[in-house]
């Protein structure tokens, strides 16, 4: 199949991996994410990659350009333009944050599954 069709909300809610690449095309990539209570992705920047986030369950604090903060909830979307520093922080002390993201262009090797943030950091070294 040339594209991707799937129950994205259900898959996102079931996902327990920090990062799981679902689909990679020439110009975009669909990735599931799950942040543990209090966990954050860490301040990062993608010089040539735009990123779309959709929160399916939980509450997160997005920090953009290292100074602008936004609190987002279930159903909210955030777009981070290329070259913008950003961090996503799960604000809950008890619940996982379930979200998916679309990178444009792709940012991770196709088929990537990182069970934990530590696994993701080790893979990027």
N, C-alpha and C. Protein backbone atom coordinates (compact mmCIF):
# COMPACT_ATOMS: atom_id res chain seq x y z
N UNK A 1 0.84 -1.18 0.00
CA UNK A 1 0.00 0.00 0.00
C UNK A 1 0.89 1.24 0.00
N UNK A 2 0.50 2.22 -0.74
CA UNK A 2 1.28 3.45 -0.88
C UNK A 2 1.13 4.41 0.29
N UNK A 3 0.01 4.36 0.98
CA UNK A 3 -0.25 5.30 2.07
C UNK A 3 -0.44 4.57 3.38
N UNK A 4 -1.08 5.24 4.31
CA UNK A 4 -1.35 4.64 5.61
C UNK A 4 -2.82 4.83 5.94
N UNK A 5 -3.46 3.76 6.39
CA UNK A 5 -4.83 3.81 6.89
C UNK A 5 -4.84 3.04 8.21
N UNK A 6 -5.37 3.65 9.26
CA UNK A 6 -5.40 2.95 10.54
C UNK A 6 -6.22 3.72 11.56
N UNK A 7 -6.57 3.03 12.61
CA UNK A 7 -7.36 3.62 13.71
C UNK A 7 -6.40 4.37 14.63
N UNK A 8 -6.01 5.58 14.22
CA UNK A 8 -4.94 6.31 14.89
C UNK A 8 -5.24 6.60 16.37
N UNK A 9 -6.48 6.94 16.69
CA UNK A 9 -6.80 7.21 18.09
C UNK A 9 -6.63 5.95 18.94
N UNK A 10 -7.17 4.85 18.47
CA UNK A 10 -7.06 3.58 19.20
C UNK A 10 -5.60 3.15 19.35
N UNK A 11 -4.85 3.23 18.26
CA UNK A 11 -3.44 2.84 18.31
C UNK A 11 -2.65 3.74 19.27
N UNK A 12 -2.95 5.03 19.26
CA UNK A 12 -2.26 5.96 20.15
C UNK A 12 -2.57 5.64 21.60
N UNK A 13 -3.83 5.38 21.90
CA UNK A 13 -4.22 5.09 23.29
C UNK A 13 -3.65 3.76 23.78
N UNK A 14 -3.46 2.80 22.88
CA UNK A 14 -2.90 1.50 23.26
C UNK A 14 -1.38 1.51 23.38
N UNK A 15 -0.74 2.46 22.72
CA UNK A 15 0.72 2.49 22.68
C UNK A 15 1.32 2.76 24.06
N UNK A 16 2.35 1.99 24.42
CA UNK A 16 3.08 2.21 25.67
C UNK A 16 4.55 2.52 25.40
N UNK A 17 4.95 2.55 24.14
CA UNK A 17 6.34 2.86 23.78
C UNK A 17 6.57 4.37 23.79
N UNK A 18 7.75 4.77 24.20
CA UNK A 18 8.11 6.19 24.14
C UNK A 18 7.95 6.69 22.71
N UNK A 19 8.45 5.92 21.75
CA UNK A 19 8.35 6.29 20.34
C UNK A 19 8.16 5.05 19.49
N UNK A 20 7.18 5.11 18.58
CA UNK A 20 6.96 4.01 17.65
C UNK A 20 6.58 4.58 16.29
N UNK A 21 7.46 4.39 15.30
CA UNK A 21 7.18 4.86 13.95
C UNK A 21 6.16 3.93 13.31
N UNK A 22 5.02 4.49 12.90
CA UNK A 22 3.97 3.70 12.24
C UNK A 22 4.12 3.67 10.73
N UNK A 23 4.51 4.82 10.18
CA UNK A 23 4.53 4.93 8.72
C UNK A 23 5.53 6.00 8.31
N UNK A 24 6.29 5.70 7.27
CA UNK A 24 7.23 6.66 6.73
C UNK A 24 7.03 6.77 5.22
N UNK A 25 6.83 8.00 4.77
CA UNK A 25 6.72 8.29 3.33
C UNK A 25 7.91 9.18 2.96
N UNK A 26 7.98 9.58 1.72
CA UNK A 26 9.10 10.40 1.26
C UNK A 26 9.14 11.75 1.97
N UNK A 27 7.97 12.32 2.30
CA UNK A 27 7.92 13.68 2.84
C UNK A 27 7.29 13.81 4.22
N UNK A 28 6.89 12.69 4.84
CA UNK A 28 6.29 12.76 6.17
C UNK A 28 6.44 11.43 6.89
N UNK A 29 6.23 11.49 8.21
CA UNK A 29 6.37 10.29 9.03
C UNK A 29 5.38 10.38 10.19
N UNK A 30 4.65 9.29 10.43
CA UNK A 30 3.67 9.20 11.50
C UNK A 30 4.24 8.39 12.65
N UNK A 31 4.24 8.99 13.86
CA UNK A 31 4.90 8.38 15.01
C UNK A 31 3.99 8.46 16.23
N UNK A 32 3.81 7.33 16.92
CA UNK A 32 3.10 7.29 18.20
C UNK A 32 4.09 7.61 19.32
N UNK A 33 3.60 8.27 20.37
CA UNK A 33 4.44 8.54 21.53
C UNK A 33 3.64 8.34 22.81
N UNK A 34 4.35 7.94 23.86
CA UNK A 34 3.78 7.81 25.20
C UNK A 34 4.81 8.32 26.19
N UNK A 35 4.46 9.37 26.91
CA UNK A 35 5.35 9.91 27.95
C UNK A 35 4.82 9.49 29.31
N UNK A 36 5.72 8.98 30.14
CA UNK A 36 5.36 8.55 31.48
C UNK A 36 5.06 9.77 32.36
N UNK A 37 4.41 9.58 33.50
CA UNK A 37 4.11 10.71 34.40
C UNK A 37 5.37 11.54 34.69
N UNK A 38 5.26 12.85 34.45
CA UNK A 38 6.37 13.76 34.69
C UNK A 38 7.48 13.74 33.65
N UNK A 39 7.40 12.84 32.68
CA UNK A 39 8.45 12.71 31.67
C UNK A 39 8.35 13.81 30.62
N UNK A 40 9.47 14.14 30.02
CA UNK A 40 9.50 15.13 28.95
C UNK A 40 10.38 14.61 27.82
N UNK A 41 10.18 15.17 26.62
CA UNK A 41 11.03 14.75 25.50
C UNK A 41 12.39 15.41 25.59
N UNK A 42 12.46 16.55 26.28
CA UNK A 42 13.70 17.30 26.37
C UNK A 42 13.73 18.37 25.29
N UNK A 43 14.39 19.47 25.58
CA UNK A 43 14.46 20.59 24.64
C UNK A 43 15.19 20.13 23.38
N UNK A 44 14.54 20.26 22.24
CA UNK A 44 15.14 19.82 20.97
C UNK A 44 14.74 20.77 19.85
N UNK A 45 15.47 20.68 18.76
CA UNK A 45 15.17 21.48 17.58
C UNK A 45 15.46 20.62 16.34
N UNK A 46 14.61 20.75 15.35
CA UNK A 46 14.80 20.08 14.06
C UNK A 46 14.98 21.18 13.02
N UNK A 47 16.21 21.43 12.58
CA UNK A 47 16.47 22.56 11.69
C UNK A 47 15.66 22.57 10.39
N UNK A 48 15.34 21.38 9.86
CA UNK A 48 14.62 21.35 8.58
C UNK A 48 13.38 20.46 8.61
N UNK A 49 12.82 20.28 9.80
CA UNK A 49 11.65 19.40 9.95
C UNK A 49 10.54 20.13 10.70
N UNK A 50 9.36 20.23 10.06
CA UNK A 50 8.17 20.71 10.75
C UNK A 50 7.59 19.53 11.52
N UNK A 51 6.90 19.82 12.65
CA UNK A 51 6.33 18.75 13.44
C UNK A 51 4.94 19.12 13.92
N UNK A 52 4.00 18.19 13.73
CA UNK A 52 2.62 18.32 14.18
C UNK A 52 2.43 17.35 15.33
N UNK A 53 1.79 17.80 16.42
CA UNK A 53 1.47 16.95 17.57
C UNK A 53 -0.04 16.94 17.78
N UNK A 54 -0.58 15.79 18.15
CA UNK A 54 -2.00 15.68 18.53
C UNK A 54 -2.05 14.92 19.86
N UNK A 55 -2.67 15.54 20.87
CA UNK A 55 -2.81 14.92 22.18
C UNK A 55 -4.11 14.10 22.19
N UNK A 56 -3.99 12.81 22.48
CA UNK A 56 -5.18 11.95 22.55
C UNK A 56 -5.63 11.74 23.99
N UNK A 57 -4.68 11.69 24.93
CA UNK A 57 -5.06 11.54 26.34
C UNK A 57 -4.00 12.18 27.22
N UNK A 58 -4.47 13.00 28.14
CA UNK A 58 -3.57 13.60 29.10
C UNK A 58 -3.46 15.10 28.94
N UNK A 59 -2.50 15.64 29.65
CA UNK A 59 -2.24 17.08 29.63
C UNK A 59 -0.74 17.28 29.52
N UNK A 60 -0.35 18.22 28.67
CA UNK A 60 1.07 18.47 28.46
C UNK A 60 1.36 19.96 28.46
N UNK A 61 2.58 20.27 28.84
CA UNK A 61 3.06 21.64 28.71
C UNK A 61 4.05 21.65 27.55
N UNK A 62 3.75 22.46 26.55
CA UNK A 62 4.66 22.66 25.43
C UNK A 62 5.44 23.93 25.70
N UNK A 63 6.75 23.84 25.58
CA UNK A 63 7.61 25.01 25.69
C UNK A 63 8.19 25.24 24.30
N UNK A 64 7.88 26.40 23.71
CA UNK A 64 8.31 26.72 22.36
C UNK A 64 9.31 27.87 22.40
N UNK A 65 10.35 27.74 21.60
CA UNK A 65 11.39 28.76 21.50
C UNK A 65 12.00 29.07 22.87
N UNK A 66 11.99 28.07 23.75
CA UNK A 66 12.57 28.13 25.09
C UNK A 66 11.96 29.20 25.99
N UNK A 67 10.78 29.75 25.61
CA UNK A 67 10.17 30.78 26.46
C UNK A 67 8.65 30.79 26.44
N UNK A 68 8.03 30.43 25.33
CA UNK A 68 6.57 30.46 25.23
C UNK A 68 6.02 29.12 25.71
N UNK A 69 5.10 29.15 26.67
CA UNK A 69 4.54 27.92 27.22
C UNK A 69 3.05 27.84 26.94
N UNK A 70 2.60 26.65 26.58
CA UNK A 70 1.19 26.39 26.32
C UNK A 70 0.79 25.09 26.99
N UNK A 71 -0.34 25.11 27.70
CA UNK A 71 -0.89 23.91 28.30
C UNK A 71 -1.90 23.33 27.31
N UNK A 72 -1.76 22.06 26.99
CA UNK A 72 -2.66 21.42 26.02
C UNK A 72 -3.26 20.16 26.63
N UNK A 73 -4.43 19.77 26.10
CA UNK A 73 -5.22 18.65 26.64
C UNK A 73 -5.67 17.75 25.51
N UNK A 74 -6.42 16.70 25.89
CA UNK A 74 -7.02 15.78 24.92
C UNK A 74 -7.64 16.56 23.77
N UNK A 75 -7.33 16.15 22.55
CA UNK A 75 -7.94 16.76 21.38
C UNK A 75 -7.22 17.97 20.84
N UNK A 76 -6.23 18.49 21.56
CA UNK A 76 -5.50 19.67 21.10
C UNK A 76 -4.40 19.26 20.12
N UNK A 77 -4.04 20.19 19.25
CA UNK A 77 -2.95 20.00 18.30
C UNK A 77 -1.96 21.14 18.44
N UNK A 78 -0.71 20.85 18.16
CA UNK A 78 0.36 21.84 18.19
C UNK A 78 1.21 21.62 16.95
N UNK A 79 1.56 22.71 16.26
CA UNK A 79 2.47 22.64 15.12
C UNK A 79 3.74 23.40 15.49
N UNK A 80 4.86 22.74 15.31
CA UNK A 80 6.16 23.34 15.62
C UNK A 80 6.92 23.49 14.30
N UNK A 81 7.12 24.73 13.84
CA UNK A 81 7.86 24.94 12.59
C UNK A 81 9.33 24.55 12.72
N UNK A 82 9.92 24.14 11.62
CA UNK A 82 11.34 23.81 11.58
C UNK A 82 12.15 24.95 12.19
N UNK A 83 13.20 24.57 12.93
CA UNK A 83 14.08 25.55 13.52
C UNK A 83 13.62 26.10 14.86
N UNK A 84 12.49 25.61 15.38
CA UNK A 84 11.95 26.09 16.66
C UNK A 84 12.31 25.10 17.77
N UNK A 85 13.02 25.56 18.78
CA UNK A 85 13.27 24.72 19.95
C UNK A 85 11.93 24.41 20.60
N UNK A 86 11.79 23.17 21.07
CA UNK A 86 10.53 22.78 21.71
C UNK A 86 10.77 21.65 22.71
N UNK A 87 9.86 21.59 23.68
CA UNK A 87 9.87 20.52 24.66
C UNK A 87 8.41 20.18 24.95
N UNK A 88 8.15 18.91 25.19
CA UNK A 88 6.82 18.43 25.57
C UNK A 88 6.97 17.77 26.93
N UNK A 89 6.19 18.22 27.89
CA UNK A 89 6.30 17.73 29.26
C UNK A 89 4.95 17.18 29.72
N UNK A 90 4.93 15.93 30.15
CA UNK A 90 3.72 15.36 30.72
C UNK A 90 3.53 15.97 32.11
N UNK A 91 2.46 16.73 32.29
CA UNK A 91 2.26 17.44 33.56
C UNK A 91 1.65 16.56 34.65
N UNK A 92 1.18 15.37 34.29
CA UNK A 92 0.58 14.49 35.29
C UNK A 92 1.64 13.78 36.12
N UNK A 93 1.33 13.57 37.39
CA UNK A 93 2.21 12.79 38.27
C UNK A 93 1.79 11.32 38.31
N UNK A 94 0.64 11.00 37.66
CA UNK A 94 0.13 9.63 37.75
C UNK A 94 -0.25 8.99 36.42
N UNK A 95 -0.54 9.79 35.40
CA UNK A 95 -1.06 9.24 34.14
C UNK A 95 -0.09 9.43 32.99
N UNK A 96 -0.10 8.47 32.07
CA UNK A 96 0.69 8.58 30.86
C UNK A 96 0.09 9.64 29.93
N UNK A 97 0.94 10.26 29.13
CA UNK A 97 0.51 11.19 28.08
C UNK A 97 0.56 10.42 26.77
N UNK A 98 -0.58 10.37 26.07
CA UNK A 98 -0.68 9.63 24.82
C UNK A 98 -0.84 10.64 23.68
N UNK A 99 0.05 10.58 22.71
CA UNK A 99 0.01 11.51 21.60
C UNK A 99 0.60 10.87 20.35
N UNK A 100 0.33 11.50 19.22
CA UNK A 100 1.05 11.13 18.01
C UNK A 100 1.59 12.39 17.37
N UNK A 101 2.59 12.18 16.53
CA UNK A 101 3.24 13.31 15.88
C UNK A 101 3.49 12.97 14.42
N UNK A 102 3.50 13.99 13.60
CA UNK A 102 3.84 13.84 12.19
C UNK A 102 5.03 14.75 11.92
N UNK A 103 6.12 14.12 11.46
CA UNK A 103 7.31 14.86 11.05
C UNK A 103 7.24 15.08 9.55
N UNK A 104 7.67 16.24 9.11
CA UNK A 104 7.70 16.51 7.67
C UNK A 104 8.95 17.32 7.35
N UNK A 105 9.95 16.72 6.74
CA UNK A 105 10.09 15.34 6.28
C UNK A 105 10.37 14.38 7.45
N UNK A 106 10.48 13.07 7.16
CA UNK A 106 10.73 12.08 8.22
C UNK A 106 11.96 12.43 9.05
N UNK A 107 11.95 11.99 10.31
CA UNK A 107 13.02 12.32 11.24
C UNK A 107 13.69 11.09 11.86
N UNK A 108 13.07 9.92 11.76
CA UNK A 108 13.61 8.71 12.38
C UNK A 108 13.66 7.58 11.34
N UNK A 109 14.54 6.61 11.54
CA UNK A 109 14.55 5.47 10.63
C UNK A 109 13.19 4.76 10.63
N UNK A 110 12.75 4.34 9.46
CA UNK A 110 11.48 3.64 9.34
C UNK A 110 11.49 2.40 10.24
N UNK A 111 10.38 2.15 10.92
CA UNK A 111 10.27 0.99 11.79
C UNK A 111 10.82 1.17 13.19
N UNK A 112 11.32 2.35 13.51
CA UNK A 112 11.89 2.61 14.84
C UNK A 112 10.86 2.35 15.94
N UNK A 113 11.28 1.62 16.96
CA UNK A 113 10.50 1.45 18.19
C UNK A 113 11.47 1.64 19.35
N UNK A 114 11.23 2.68 20.15
CA UNK A 114 12.01 2.91 21.36
C UNK A 114 11.05 2.75 22.54
N UNK A 115 11.26 1.69 23.31
CA UNK A 115 10.34 1.41 24.42
C UNK A 115 10.38 2.51 25.49
N UNK A 116 11.56 3.08 25.72
CA UNK A 116 11.71 4.11 26.74
C UNK A 116 12.47 5.31 26.18
N UNK A 117 12.44 6.40 26.92
CA UNK A 117 13.20 7.59 26.52
C UNK A 117 14.69 7.26 26.52
N UNK A 118 15.15 6.48 27.49
CA UNK A 118 16.56 6.09 27.55
C UNK A 118 16.96 5.31 26.29
N UNK A 119 16.08 4.43 25.83
CA UNK A 119 16.34 3.69 24.59
C UNK A 119 16.45 4.65 23.41
N UNK A 120 15.56 5.65 23.36
CA UNK A 120 15.57 6.63 22.28
C UNK A 120 16.86 7.44 22.30
N UNK A 121 17.28 7.88 23.48
CA UNK A 121 18.51 8.66 23.59
C UNK A 121 19.73 7.83 23.19
N UNK A 122 19.76 6.56 23.58
CA UNK A 122 20.89 5.70 23.23
C UNK A 122 20.94 5.47 21.71
N UNK A 123 19.79 5.35 21.07
CA UNK A 123 19.73 5.11 19.62
C UNK A 123 20.18 6.33 18.82
N UNK A 124 20.04 7.51 19.41
CA UNK A 124 20.39 8.74 18.70
C UNK A 124 21.86 9.13 18.85
N UNK A 125 22.62 8.39 19.65
CA UNK A 125 24.05 8.71 19.84
C UNK A 125 24.87 8.10 18.75
